[in-house]
PDB file of N, CA and C in Angstrom:
ATOM      1  N   MET A   1       0.859  -1.132  -0.034  1.00  0.00           N
ATOM      2  CA  MET A   1       0.050  -0.019   0.037  1.00  0.00           C
ATOM      3  C   MET A   1       0.916   1.270  -0.019  1.00  0.00           C
ATOM      4  N   SER A   2       0.700   2.055  -0.934  1.00  0.00           N
ATOM      5  CA  SER A   2       1.479   3.355  -1.087  1.00  0.00           C
ATOM      6  C   SER A   2       1.210   4.284   0.158  1.00  0.00           C
ATOM      7  N   SER A   3       2.204   5.092   0.446  1.00  0.00           N
ATOM      8  CA  SER A   3       1.934   6.037   1.588  1.00  0.00           C
ATOM      9  C   SER A   3       0.920   7.019   1.285  1.00  0.00           C
ATOM     10  N   LEU A   4       0.623   7.274   0.011  1.00  0.00           N
ATOM     11  CA  LEU A   4      -0.473   8.162  -0.472  1.00  0.00           C
ATOM     12  C   LEU A   4      -1.884   7.658  -0.322  1.00  0.00           C
ATOM     13  N   ASN A   5      -1.963   6.351  -0.207  1.00  0.00           N
ATOM     14  CA  ASN A   5      -3.236   5.601  -0.124  1.00  0.00           C
ATOM     15  C   ASN A   5      -3.881   6.003   1.242  1.00  0.00           C
ATOM     16  N   LYS A   6      -5.166   6.094   1.139  1.00  0.00           N
ATOM     17  CA  LYS A   6      -5.966   6.492   2.308  1.00  0.00           C
ATOM     18  C   LYS A   6      -7.064   5.448   2.635  1.00  0.00           C
ATOM     19  N   LYS A   7      -7.462   5.328   3.841  1.00  0.00           N
ATOM     20  CA  LYS A   7      -8.538   4.585   4.202  1.00  0.00           C
ATOM     21  C   LYS A   7      -9.519   5.261   5.186  1.00  0.00           C
ATOM     22  N   TYR A   8     -10.763   4.969   5.010  1.00  0.00           N
ATOM     23  CA  TYR A   8     -11.831   5.730   5.657  1.00  0.00           C
ATOM     24  C   TYR A   8     -12.825   4.562   6.131  1.00  0.00           C
ATOM     25  N   SER A   9     -13.314   4.645   7.403  1.00  0.00           N
ATOM     26  CA  SER A   9     -14.062   3.687   7.972  1.00  0.00           C
ATOM     27  C   SER A   9     -15.388   4.158   8.695  1.00  0.00           C
ATOM     28  N   ASN A  10     -16.383   3.258   8.698  1.00  0.00           N
ATOM     29  CA  ASN A  10     -17.502   3.499   9.588  1.00  0.00           C
ATOM     30  C   ASN A  10     -17.665   2.232  10.368  1.00  0.00           C
ATOM     31  N   ASN A  11     -18.771   1.929  10.946  1.00  0.00           N
ATOM     32  CA  ASN A  11     -18.959   0.749  11.802  1.00  0.00           C
ATOM     33  C   ASN A  11     -19.003  -0.499  11.000  1.00  0.00           C
ATOM     34  N   ASP A  12     -19.290  -0.483   9.680  1.00  0.00           N
ATOM     35  CA  ASP A  12     -19.579  -1.551   8.821  1.00  0.00           C
ATOM     36  C   ASP A  12     -18.422  -1.934   7.801  1.00  0.00           C
ATOM     37  N   ILE A  13     -17.794  -0.880   7.292  1.00  0.00           N
ATOM     38  CA  ILE A  13     -16.812  -1.015   6.146  1.00  0.00           C
ATOM     39  C   ILE A  13     -15.691  -0.100   6.225  1.00  0.00           C
ATOM     40  N   THR A  14     -14.641  -0.472   5.534  1.00  0.00           N
ATOM     41  CA  THR A  14     -13.551   0.481   5.304  1.00  0.00           C
ATOM     42  C   THR A  14     -13.385   0.672   3.840  1.00  0.00           C
ATOM     43  N   VAL A  15     -13.330   1.984   3.379  1.00  0.00           N
ATOM     44  CA  VAL A  15     -13.145   2.278   2.031  1.00  0.00           C
ATOM     45  C   VAL A  15     -11.637   2.732   1.856  1.00  0.00           C
ATOM     46  N   PHE A  16     -11.089   2.156   0.788  1.00  0.00           N
ATOM     47  CA  PHE A  16      -9.651   2.463   0.401  1.00  0.00           C
ATOM     48  C   PHE A  16      -9.617   3.339  -0.840  1.00  0.00           C
ATOM     49  N   TRP A  17      -8.785   4.324  -0.790  1.00  0.00           N
ATOM     50  CA  TRP A  17      -8.632   5.184  -1.901  1.00  0.00           C
ATOM     51  C   TRP A  17      -7.186   5.134  -2.387  1.00  0.00           C
ATOM     52  N   GLN A  18      -6.943   4.789  -3.653  1.00  0.00           N
ATOM     53  CA  GLN A  18      -5.506   4.668  -4.220  1.00  0.00           C
ATOM     54  C   GLN A  18      -5.407   5.850  -5.215  1.00  0.00           C
ATOM     55  N   PRO A  19      -4.911   6.923  -4.772  1.00  0.00           N
ATOM     56  CA  PRO A  19      -4.901   8.077  -5.754  1.00  0.00           C
ATOM     57  C   PRO A  19      -4.170   7.874  -7.012  1.00  0.00           C
ATOM     58  N   GLU A  20      -3.226   6.989  -7.063  1.00  0.00           N
ATOM     59  CA  GLU A  20      -2.464   6.710  -8.356  1.00  0.00           C
ATOM     60  C   GLU A  20      -3.277   6.089  -9.359  1.00  0.00           C
ATOM     61  N   LYS A  21      -4.469   5.541  -8.994  1.00  0.00           N
ATOM     62  CA  LYS A  21      -5.349   4.836  -9.942  1.00  0.00           C
ATOM     63  C   LYS A  21      -6.396   5.775 -10.291  1.00  0.00           C
ATOM     64  N   CYS A  22      -6.765   6.844  -9.567  1.00  0.00           N
ATOM     65  CA  CYS A  22      -7.828   7.816  -9.765  1.00  0.00           C
ATOM     66  C   CYS A  22      -7.732   8.589 -11.082  1.00  0.00           C
ATOM     67  N   ILE A  23      -8.819   8.461 -11.926  1.00  0.00           N
ATOM     68  CA  ILE A  23      -8.822   9.118 -13.167  1.00  0.00           C
ATOM     69  C   ILE A  23      -9.687  10.531 -13.025  1.00  0.00           C
ATOM     70  N   HIS A  24     -10.077  10.782 -11.756  1.00  0.00           N
ATOM     71  CA  HIS A  24     -10.822  12.029 -11.393  1.00  0.00           C
ATOM     72  C   HIS A  24     -12.016  12.146 -12.273  1.00  0.00           C
ATOM     73  N   SER A  25     -12.777  11.203 -12.455  1.00  0.00           N
ATOM     74  CA  SER A  25     -14.017  11.135 -13.226  1.00  0.00           C
ATOM     75  C   SER A  25     -15.142  11.896 -12.420  1.00  0.00           C
ATOM     76  N   ALA A  26     -15.002  11.941 -11.074  1.00  0.00           N
ATOM     77  CA  ALA A  26     -15.852  12.671 -10.148  1.00  0.00           C
ATOM     78  C   ALA A  26     -17.151  11.910 -10.068  1.00  0.00           C
ATOM     79  N   LYS A  27     -17.249  10.665 -10.479  1.00  0.00           N
ATOM     80  CA  LYS A  27     -18.437   9.905 -10.472  1.00  0.00           C
ATOM     81  C   LYS A  27     -18.957   9.686  -9.022  1.00  0.00           C
ATOM     82  N   CYS A  28     -17.900   9.569  -8.125  1.00  0.00           N
ATOM     83  CA  CYS A  28     -18.287   9.354  -6.676  1.00  0.00           C
ATOM     84  C   CYS A  28     -18.919  10.548  -6.094  1.00  0.00           C
ATOM     85  N   ALA A  29     -18.366  11.771  -6.461  1.00  0.00           N
ATOM     86  CA  ALA A  29     -18.910  13.017  -6.027  1.00  0.00           C
ATOM     87  C   ALA A  29     -20.326  13.303  -6.537  1.00  0.00           C
ATOM     88  N   ARG A  30     -20.446  13.038  -7.850  1.00  0.00           N
ATOM     89  CA  ARG A  30     -21.774  13.264  -8.384  1.00  0.00           C
ATOM     90  C   ARG A  30     -22.752  12.219  -7.824  1.00  0.00           C
ATOM     91  N   SER A  31     -22.407  11.057  -7.412  1.00  0.00           N
ATOM     92  CA  SER A  31     -23.276  10.122  -6.848  1.00  0.00           C
ATOM     93  C   SER A  31     -23.621  10.291  -5.431  1.00  0.00           C
ATOM     94  N   LEU A  32     -22.666  10.838  -4.674  1.00  0.00           N
ATOM     95  CA  LEU A  32     -22.700  10.829  -3.150  1.00  0.00           C
ATOM     96  C   LEU A  32     -21.838  11.987  -2.666  1.00  0.00           C
ATOM     97  N   ILE A  33     -22.299  13.253  -3.019  1.00  0.00           N
ATOM     98  CA  ILE A  33     -21.426  14.390  -2.642  1.00  0.00           C
ATOM     99  C   ILE A  33     -21.323  14.637  -1.089  1.00  0.00           C
ATOM    100  N   GLN A  34     -22.322  14.204  -0.411  1.00  0.00           N
ATOM    101  CA  GLN A  34     -22.228  14.389   1.154  1.00  0.00           C
ATOM    102  C   GLN A  34     -21.095  13.600   1.712  1.00  0.00           C
ATOM    103  N   VAL A  35     -20.724  12.418   1.052  1.00  0.00           N
ATOM    104  CA  VAL A  35     -19.644  11.588   1.449  1.00  0.00           C
ATOM    105  C   VAL A  35     -18.394  11.851   0.765  1.00  0.00           C
ATOM    106  N   PHE A  36     -18.403  11.967  -0.502  1.00  0.00           N
ATOM    107  CA  PHE A  36     -17.250  12.030  -1.379  1.00  0.00           C
ATOM    108  C   PHE A  36     -17.142  13.579  -1.940  1.00  0.00           C
ATOM    109  N   ASN A  37     -16.463  14.398  -1.351  1.00  0.00           N
ATOM    110  CA  ASN A  37     -16.321  15.825  -1.776  1.00  0.00           C
ATOM    111  C   ASN A  37     -14.905  16.223  -1.868  1.00  0.00           C
ATOM    112  N   PRO A  38     -14.400  16.268  -3.127  1.00  0.00           N
ATOM    113  CA  PRO A  38     -13.072  16.599  -3.307  1.00  0.00           C
ATOM    114  C   PRO A  38     -12.624  17.959  -2.897  1.00  0.00           C
ATOM    115  N   ARG A  39     -13.560  18.852  -2.672  1.00  0.00           N
ATOM    116  CA  ARG A  39     -13.238  20.227  -2.179  1.00  0.00           C
ATOM    117  C   ARG A  39     -13.201  20.374  -0.656  1.00  0.00           C
ATOM    118  N   ARG A  40     -13.367  19.223  -0.006  1.00  0.00           N
ATOM    119  CA  ARG A  40     -13.326  19.190   1.476  1.00  0.00           C
ATOM    120  C   ARG A  40     -12.146  18.447   1.980  1.00  0.00           C
ATOM    121  N   ARG A  41     -11.626  18.625   3.127  1.00  0.00           N
ATOM    122  CA  ARG A  41     -10.597  17.807   3.703  1.00  0.00           C
ATOM    123  C   ARG A  41     -11.003  17.455   5.137  1.00  0.00           C
ATOM    124  N   PRO A  42     -10.991  16.146   5.468  1.00  0.00           N
ATOM    125  CA  PRO A  42     -10.801  14.998   4.505  1.00  0.00           C
ATOM    126  C   PRO A  42     -11.935  14.969   3.396  1.00  0.00           C
ATOM    127  N   TRP A  43     -11.673  14.453   2.310  1.00  0.00           N
ATOM    128  CA  TRP A  43     -12.586  14.528   1.262  1.00  0.00           C
ATOM    129  C   TRP A  43     -13.652  13.352   1.352  1.00  0.00           C
ATOM    130  N   VAL A  44     -13.336  12.316   2.179  1.00  0.00           N
ATOM    131  CA  VAL A  44     -14.364  11.359   2.456  1.00  0.00           C
ATOM    132  C   VAL A  44     -14.804  11.338   3.851  1.00  0.00           C
ATOM    133  N   VAL A  45     -16.116  11.563   4.071  1.00  0.00           N
ATOM    134  CA  VAL A  45     -16.671  11.499   5.439  1.00  0.00           C
ATOM    135  C   VAL A  45     -17.777  10.505   5.534  1.00  0.00           C
ATOM    136  N   MET A  46     -17.360   9.364   5.957  1.00  0.00           N
ATOM    137  CA  MET A  46     -18.229   8.106   5.965  1.00  0.00           C
ATOM    138  C   MET A  46     -19.518   8.324   6.804  1.00  0.00           C
ATOM    139  N   GLU A  47     -19.508   9.058   7.781  1.00  0.00           N
ATOM    140  CA  GLU A  47     -20.722   9.285   8.566  1.00  0.00           C
ATOM    141  C   GLU A  47     -21.809  10.075   7.930  1.00  0.00           C
ATOM    142  N   ASN A  48     -21.466  10.641   6.754  1.00  0.00           N
ATOM    143  CA  ASN A  48     -22.461  11.407   5.977  1.00  0.00           C
ATOM    144  C   ASN A  48     -23.302  10.584   5.032  1.00  0.00           C
ATOM    145  N   GLY A  49     -23.140   9.277   5.039  1.00  0.00           N
ATOM    146  CA  GLY A  49     -23.958   8.418   4.138  1.00  0.00           C
ATOM    147  C   GLY A  49     -24.256   7.046   4.729  1.00  0.00           C
ATOM    148  N   SER A  50     -25.068   6.303   4.206  1.00  0.00           N
ATOM    149  CA  SER A  50     -25.398   4.992   4.554  1.00  0.00           C
ATOM    150  C   SER A  50     -24.402   4.005   3.998  1.00  0.00           C
ATOM    151  N   THR A  51     -24.118   2.952   4.690  1.00  0.00           N
ATOM    152  CA  THR A  51     -23.057   1.882   4.138  1.00  0.00           C
ATOM    153  C   THR A  51     -23.575   1.447   2.841  1.00  0.00           C
ATOM    154  N   GLU A  52     -24.845   1.250   2.642  1.00  0.00           N
ATOM    155  CA  GLU A  52     -25.442   0.726   1.365  1.00  0.00           C
ATOM    156  C   GLU A  52     -25.112   1.732   0.178  1.00  0.00           C
ATOM    157  N   ASP A  53     -25.328   3.004   0.431  1.00  0.00           N
ATOM    158  CA  ASP A  53     -25.091   3.976  -0.563  1.00  0.00           C
ATOM    159  C   ASP A  53     -23.616   4.096  -0.887  1.00  0.00           C
ATOM    160  N   ILE A  54     -22.660   3.995   0.195  1.00  0.00           N
ATOM    161  CA  ILE A  54     -21.243   4.181  -0.067  1.00  0.00           C
ATOM    162  C   ILE A  54     -20.804   2.918  -0.811  1.00  0.00           C
ATOM    163  N   VAL A  55     -21.183   1.754  -0.501  1.00  0.00           N
ATOM    164  CA  VAL A  55     -20.856   0.543  -1.190  1.00  0.00           C
ATOM    165  C   VAL A  55     -21.249   0.689  -2.671  1.00  0.00           C
ATOM    166  N   GLN A  56     -22.423   1.082  -2.891  1.00  0.00           N
ATOM    167  CA  GLN A  56     -22.902   1.171  -4.335  1.00  0.00           C
ATOM    168  C   GLN A  56     -22.003   2.231  -5.113  1.00  0.00           C
ATOM    169  N   THR A  57     -21.758   3.326  -4.350  1.00  0.00           N
ATOM    170  CA  THR A  57     -20.903   4.378  -5.123  1.00  0.00           C
ATOM    171  C   THR A  57     -19.494   3.868  -5.353  1.00  0.00           C
ATOM    172  N   VAL A  58     -18.858   3.178  -4.362  1.00  0.00           N
ATOM    173  CA  VAL A  58     -17.557   2.567  -4.569  1.00  0.00           C
ATOM    174  C   VAL A  58     -17.489   1.553  -5.702  1.00  0.00           C
ATOM    175  N   GLN A  59     -18.500   0.688  -5.725  1.00  0.00           N
ATOM    176  CA  GLN A  59     -18.566  -0.287  -6.722  1.00  0.00           C
ATOM    177  C   GLN A  59     -18.641   0.336  -8.233  1.00  0.00           C
ATOM    178  N   ASN A  60     -19.106   1.564  -8.247  1.00  0.00           N
ATOM    179  CA  ASN A  60     -19.240   2.191  -9.571  1.00  0.00           C
ATOM    180  C   ASN A  60     -18.038   2.985  -9.961  1.00  0.00           C
ATOM    181  N   CYS A  61     -16.982   2.974  -9.154  1.00  0.00           N
ATOM    182  CA  CYS A  61     -15.758   3.701  -9.455  1.00  0.00           C
ATOM    183  C   CYS A  61     -15.126   3.123 -10.720  1.00  0.00           C
ATOM    184  N   PRO A  62     -15.078   3.965 -11.857  1.00  0.00           N
ATOM    185  CA  PRO A  62     -14.634   3.426 -13.068  1.00  0.00           C
ATOM    186  C   PRO A  62     -13.063   3.027 -13.138  1.00  0.00           C
ATOM    187  N   SER A  63     -12.365   3.582 -12.223  1.00  0.00           N
ATOM    188  CA  SER A  63     -10.842   3.345 -12.314  1.00  0.00           C
ATOM    189  C   SER A  63     -10.392   2.227 -11.281  1.00  0.00           C
ATOM    190  N   GLY A  64     -11.242   1.945 -10.340  1.00  0.00           N
ATOM    191  CA  GLY A  64     -10.962   1.015  -9.259  1.00  0.00           C
ATOM    192  C   GLY A  64     -10.078   1.727  -8.188  1.00  0.00           C
ATOM    193  N   ALA A  65      -9.990   3.029  -8.239  1.00  0.00           N
ATOM    194  CA  ALA A  65      -9.340   3.811  -7.200  1.00  0.00           C
ATOM    195  C   ALA A  65      -9.938   3.640  -5.778  1.00  0.00           C
ATOM    196  N   LEU A  66     -11.350   3.487  -5.810  1.00  0.00           N
ATOM    197  CA  LEU A  66     -12.030   3.271  -4.630  1.00  0.00           C
ATOM    198  C   LEU A  66     -12.320   1.710  -4.407  1.00  0.00           C
ATOM    199  N   SER A  67     -12.123   1.220  -3.321  1.00  0.00           N
ATOM    200  CA  SER A  67     -12.488  -0.183  -3.040  1.00  0.00           C
ATOM    201  C   SER A  67     -12.972  -0.161  -1.577  1.00  0.00           C
ATOM    202  N   PHE A  68     -13.613  -1.245  -1.188  1.00  0.00           N
ATOM    203  CA  PHE A  68     -13.970  -1.462   0.180  1.00  0.00           C
ATOM    204  C   PHE A  68     -13.827  -2.804   0.735  1.00  0.00           C
ATOM    205  N   GLU A  69     -13.960  -3.003   2.026  1.00  0.00           N
ATOM    206  CA  GLU A  69     -14.085  -4.350   2.503  1.00  0.00           C
ATOM    207  C   GLU A  69     -14.937  -4.208   3.867  1.00  0.00           C
ATOM    208  N   TYR A  70     -15.745  -5.195   4.030  1.00  0.00           N
ATOM    209  CA  TYR A  70     -16.615  -5.295   5.200  1.00  0.00           C
ATOM    210  C   TYR A  70     -15.787  -5.562   6.408  1.00  0.00           C
ATOM    211  N   LYS A  71     -16.123  -5.090   7.565  1.00  0.00           N
ATOM    212  CA  LYS A  71     -15.456  -5.344   8.765  1.00  0.00           C
ATOM    213  C   LYS A  71     -16.012  -6.582   9.332  1.00  0.00           C
ATOM    214  N   SER A  72     -15.093  -7.385  10.100  1.00  0.00           N
ATOM    215  CA  SER A  72     -15.547  -8.699  10.533  1.00  0.00           C
ATOM    216  C   SER A  72     -16.129  -8.487  11.907  1.00  0.00           C
TER     217      SER A  72
END
């Protein structure tokens, strides 16, 4: 994992962001701006969305820069 990679968690999942893969399509922001807002720091605020909505948005990332895993 690169030192530039980030992870963001809520009670259910951890979202991973790999910036070197990101093509900046902004599909995540258009889908769920309250969670994924590139103008904000941190740009991912997991508490602002449901786990289901976040998972759906991450699965639609065209570059694979966003991924997730469920917590055990």
